[in-house]
């Protein structure tokens, strides 16, 4: 069973440039607007992991290329460590898509190109610094043993 819903975005290209719709209120997975933000990621940098207990994220990479990693924590392994379902998604303007990340899924992204990437997120809840709806895990020292990097084989 997939962790995320992926919406392929229809690219409309002509002499003037291109356009693609990202999110519509009549999308079947859309649960409402909380806030929108843009996040820049420098080459080789990882942002993550974190999860939300209530919030759904709708992520689109509009500049550059990222590897988006989703982790569903399945609890402790009898032999130690933690079991998990892992999904990797490659997002870029060359393959426009939106990944819908439900609550309780750890997620993070890494810029895999040579230029900074820009990600737009439409979340269902606004960020509240007094009571943030997030739980963070170190991206490089995580209980699932996930190792970030570029796979070239």
Protein backbone atom coordinates (compact mmCIF):
# COMPACT_ATOMS: atom_id res chain seq x y z
CA UNK A 1 0.00 0.00 0.00
CA UNK A 2 1.57 3.33 -1.05
CA UNK A 3 2.34 5.90 1.63
CA UNK A 4 1.54 8.98 -0.46
CA UNK A 5 -0.85 10.05 -3.17
CA UNK A 6 0.99 11.33 -6.25
CA UNK A 7 -0.72 13.72 -8.63
CA UNK A 8 0.93 14.07 -12.05
CA UNK A 9 0.72 17.73 -13.02
CA UNK A 10 -0.27 18.62 -16.58
CA UNK A 11 2.39 20.79 -18.18
CA UNK A 12 1.17 23.33 -20.75
CA UNK A 13 4.11 24.54 -22.85
CA UNK A 14 4.20 27.14 -25.61
CA UNK A 15 6.44 29.95 -26.95
CA UNK A 16 5.83 32.05 -23.84
CA UNK A 17 6.95 29.39 -21.33
CA UNK A 18 5.00 26.84 -19.34
CA UNK A 19 2.20 26.56 -16.83
CA UNK A 20 0.92 23.77 -14.63
CA UNK A 21 -1.82 23.74 -12.03
CA UNK A 22 -0.65 22.38 -8.69
CA UNK A 23 -3.64 22.15 -6.39
CA UNK A 24 -7.35 22.59 -6.87
CA UNK A 25 -10.07 22.62 -4.25
CA UNK A 26 -11.88 19.92 -6.25
CA UNK A 27 -8.92 17.49 -6.08
CA UNK A 28 -10.30 14.37 -4.35
CA UNK A 29 -7.47 14.29 -1.77
CA UNK A 30 -7.65 17.99 -0.83
CA UNK A 31 -8.73 18.61 2.77
CA UNK A 32 -8.45 22.40 3.00
CA UNK A 33 -5.99 25.28 3.19
CA UNK A 34 -3.82 26.10 6.19
CA UNK A 35 -0.81 27.88 4.70
CA UNK A 36 1.55 27.87 1.73
CA UNK A 37 5.30 28.27 1.85
CA UNK A 38 8.41 28.08 -0.32
CA UNK A 39 11.52 26.29 0.93
CA UNK A 40 14.93 26.52 -0.74
CA UNK A 41 17.40 23.64 -0.49
CA UNK A 42 21.06 23.93 -1.41
CA UNK A 43 22.78 21.15 -3.38
CA UNK A 44 23.52 18.08 -1.25
CA UNK A 45 21.59 19.43 1.75
CA UNK A 46 18.95 17.37 3.58
CA UNK A 47 15.91 18.88 5.28
CA UNK A 48 14.05 16.36 7.45
CA UNK A 49 12.93 14.12 8.99
CA UNK A 50 9.72 15.32 10.62
CA UNK A 51 6.08 14.28 10.79
CA UNK A 52 2.78 15.91 11.68
CA UNK A 53 -0.02 14.40 13.73
CA UNK A 54 -2.82 16.43 12.11
CA UNK A 55 -1.40 18.18 9.05
CA UNK A 56 -1.35 16.95 5.46
CA UNK A 57 1.34 18.40 3.18
CA UNK A 58 1.08 18.88 -0.60
CA UNK A 59 4.65 19.16 -1.95
CA UNK A 60 5.77 20.33 -5.42
CA UNK A 61 9.35 21.03 -6.56
CA UNK A 62 9.22 24.05 -8.90
CA UNK A 63 12.96 24.67 -9.40
CA UNK A 64 15.78 22.13 -9.43
CA UNK A 65 15.43 18.53 -8.34
CA UNK A 66 14.85 16.84 -4.99
CA UNK A 67 14.62 13.35 -3.58
CA UNK A 68 11.60 13.27 -1.25
CA UNK A 69 11.72 10.43 1.28
CA UNK A 70 8.62 9.22 3.14
CA UNK A 71 8.83 6.83 6.08
CA UNK A 72 5.98 5.01 7.77
CA UNK A 73 7.31 3.88 11.16
CA UNK A 74 6.20 0.29 11.86
CA UNK A 75 7.67 -0.02 15.36
CA UNK A 76 10.60 -1.86 16.89
CA UNK A 77 12.32 -4.86 15.30
CA UNK A 78 12.78 -7.91 17.52
CA UNK A 79 16.50 -7.82 16.66
CA UNK A 80 16.83 -4.07 17.38
CA UNK A 81 16.22 -0.94 15.38
CA UNK A 82 12.90 0.09 13.88
CA UNK A 83 10.91 -1.35 10.98
CA UNK A 84 9.59 1.03 8.33
CA UNK A 85 7.99 1.36 4.93
CA UNK A 86 10.09 3.73 2.82
CA UNK A 87 9.12 5.56 -0.37
CA UNK A 88 11.43 7.73 -2.45
CA UNK A 89 10.05 10.24 -4.95
CA UNK A 90 12.10 12.32 -7.38
CA UNK A 91 10.48 15.69 -7.99
CA UNK A 92 11.56 18.30 -10.52
CA UNK A 93 10.16 20.69 -13.08
CA UNK A 94 11.03 18.06 -15.72
CA UNK A 95 8.47 15.70 -14.20
CA UNK A 96 5.93 17.95 -12.49
CA UNK A 97 4.00 16.19 -9.76
CA UNK A 98 2.55 16.82 -6.35
CA UNK A 99 3.12 14.38 -3.51
CA UNK A 100 0.42 14.39 -0.83
CA UNK A 101 1.92 13.44 2.54
CA UNK A 102 -0.65 12.34 5.12
CA UNK A 103 -0.31 12.80 8.88
CA UNK A 104 2.00 10.47 10.86
CA UNK A 105 4.44 9.99 7.96
CA UNK A 106 8.04 11.10 8.50
CA UNK A 107 9.36 13.03 5.53
CA UNK A 108 12.33 14.99 4.33
CA UNK A 109 14.04 16.00 1.12
CA UNK A 110 17.48 16.39 -0.35
CA UNK A 111 18.53 18.62 -3.25
CA UNK A 112 20.10 16.22 -5.76
CA UNK A 113 20.97 18.74 -8.48
CA UNK A 114 23.88 21.15 -8.88
CA UNK A 115 21.69 24.21 -8.29
CA UNK A 116 19.46 25.09 -5.33
CA UNK A 117 15.93 23.65 -5.48
CA UNK A 118 12.68 25.35 -4.54
CA UNK A 119 9.79 23.44 -3.00
CA UNK A 120 6.26 24.76 -2.53
CA UNK A 121 4.14 23.17 0.18
CA UNK A 122 0.42 23.68 0.69
CA UNK A 123 -0.40 22.47 4.18
CA UNK A 124 -3.80 21.89 5.70
CA UNK A 125 -2.84 23.67 8.97
CA UNK A 126 -0.92 26.91 9.61
CA UNK A 127 2.32 26.57 11.58
CA UNK A 128 1.87 27.52 15.25
CA UNK A 129 5.24 28.16 16.95
CA UNK A 130 3.58 27.91 20.39
CA UNK A 131 2.30 24.37 19.75
CA UNK A 132 4.00 23.04 16.62
CA UNK A 133 2.38 19.99 15.05
CA UNK A 134 5.66 18.25 14.34
CA UNK A 135 7.99 15.60 15.65
CA UNK A 136 11.59 15.74 14.40
CA UNK A 137 14.15 12.98 13.87
CA UNK A 138 17.79 13.53 12.85
CA UNK A 139 18.03 12.77 9.11
CA UNK A 140 21.42 11.07 9.43
CA UNK A 141 21.01 9.36 12.81
CA UNK A 142 17.54 7.89 12.45
CA UNK A 143 16.02 4.71 13.89
CA UNK A 144 15.29 3.24 10.42
CA UNK A 145 18.89 3.30 9.22
CA UNK A 146 18.01 5.41 6.18
CA UNK A 147 21.16 6.72 4.46
CA UNK A 148 20.85 9.82 2.29
CA UNK A 149 22.86 9.98 -0.89
CA UNK A 150 22.73 9.96 -4.64
CA UNK A 151 22.36 6.51 -6.18
CA UNK A 152 24.36 6.32 -9.40
CA UNK A 153 24.29 2.62 -10.12
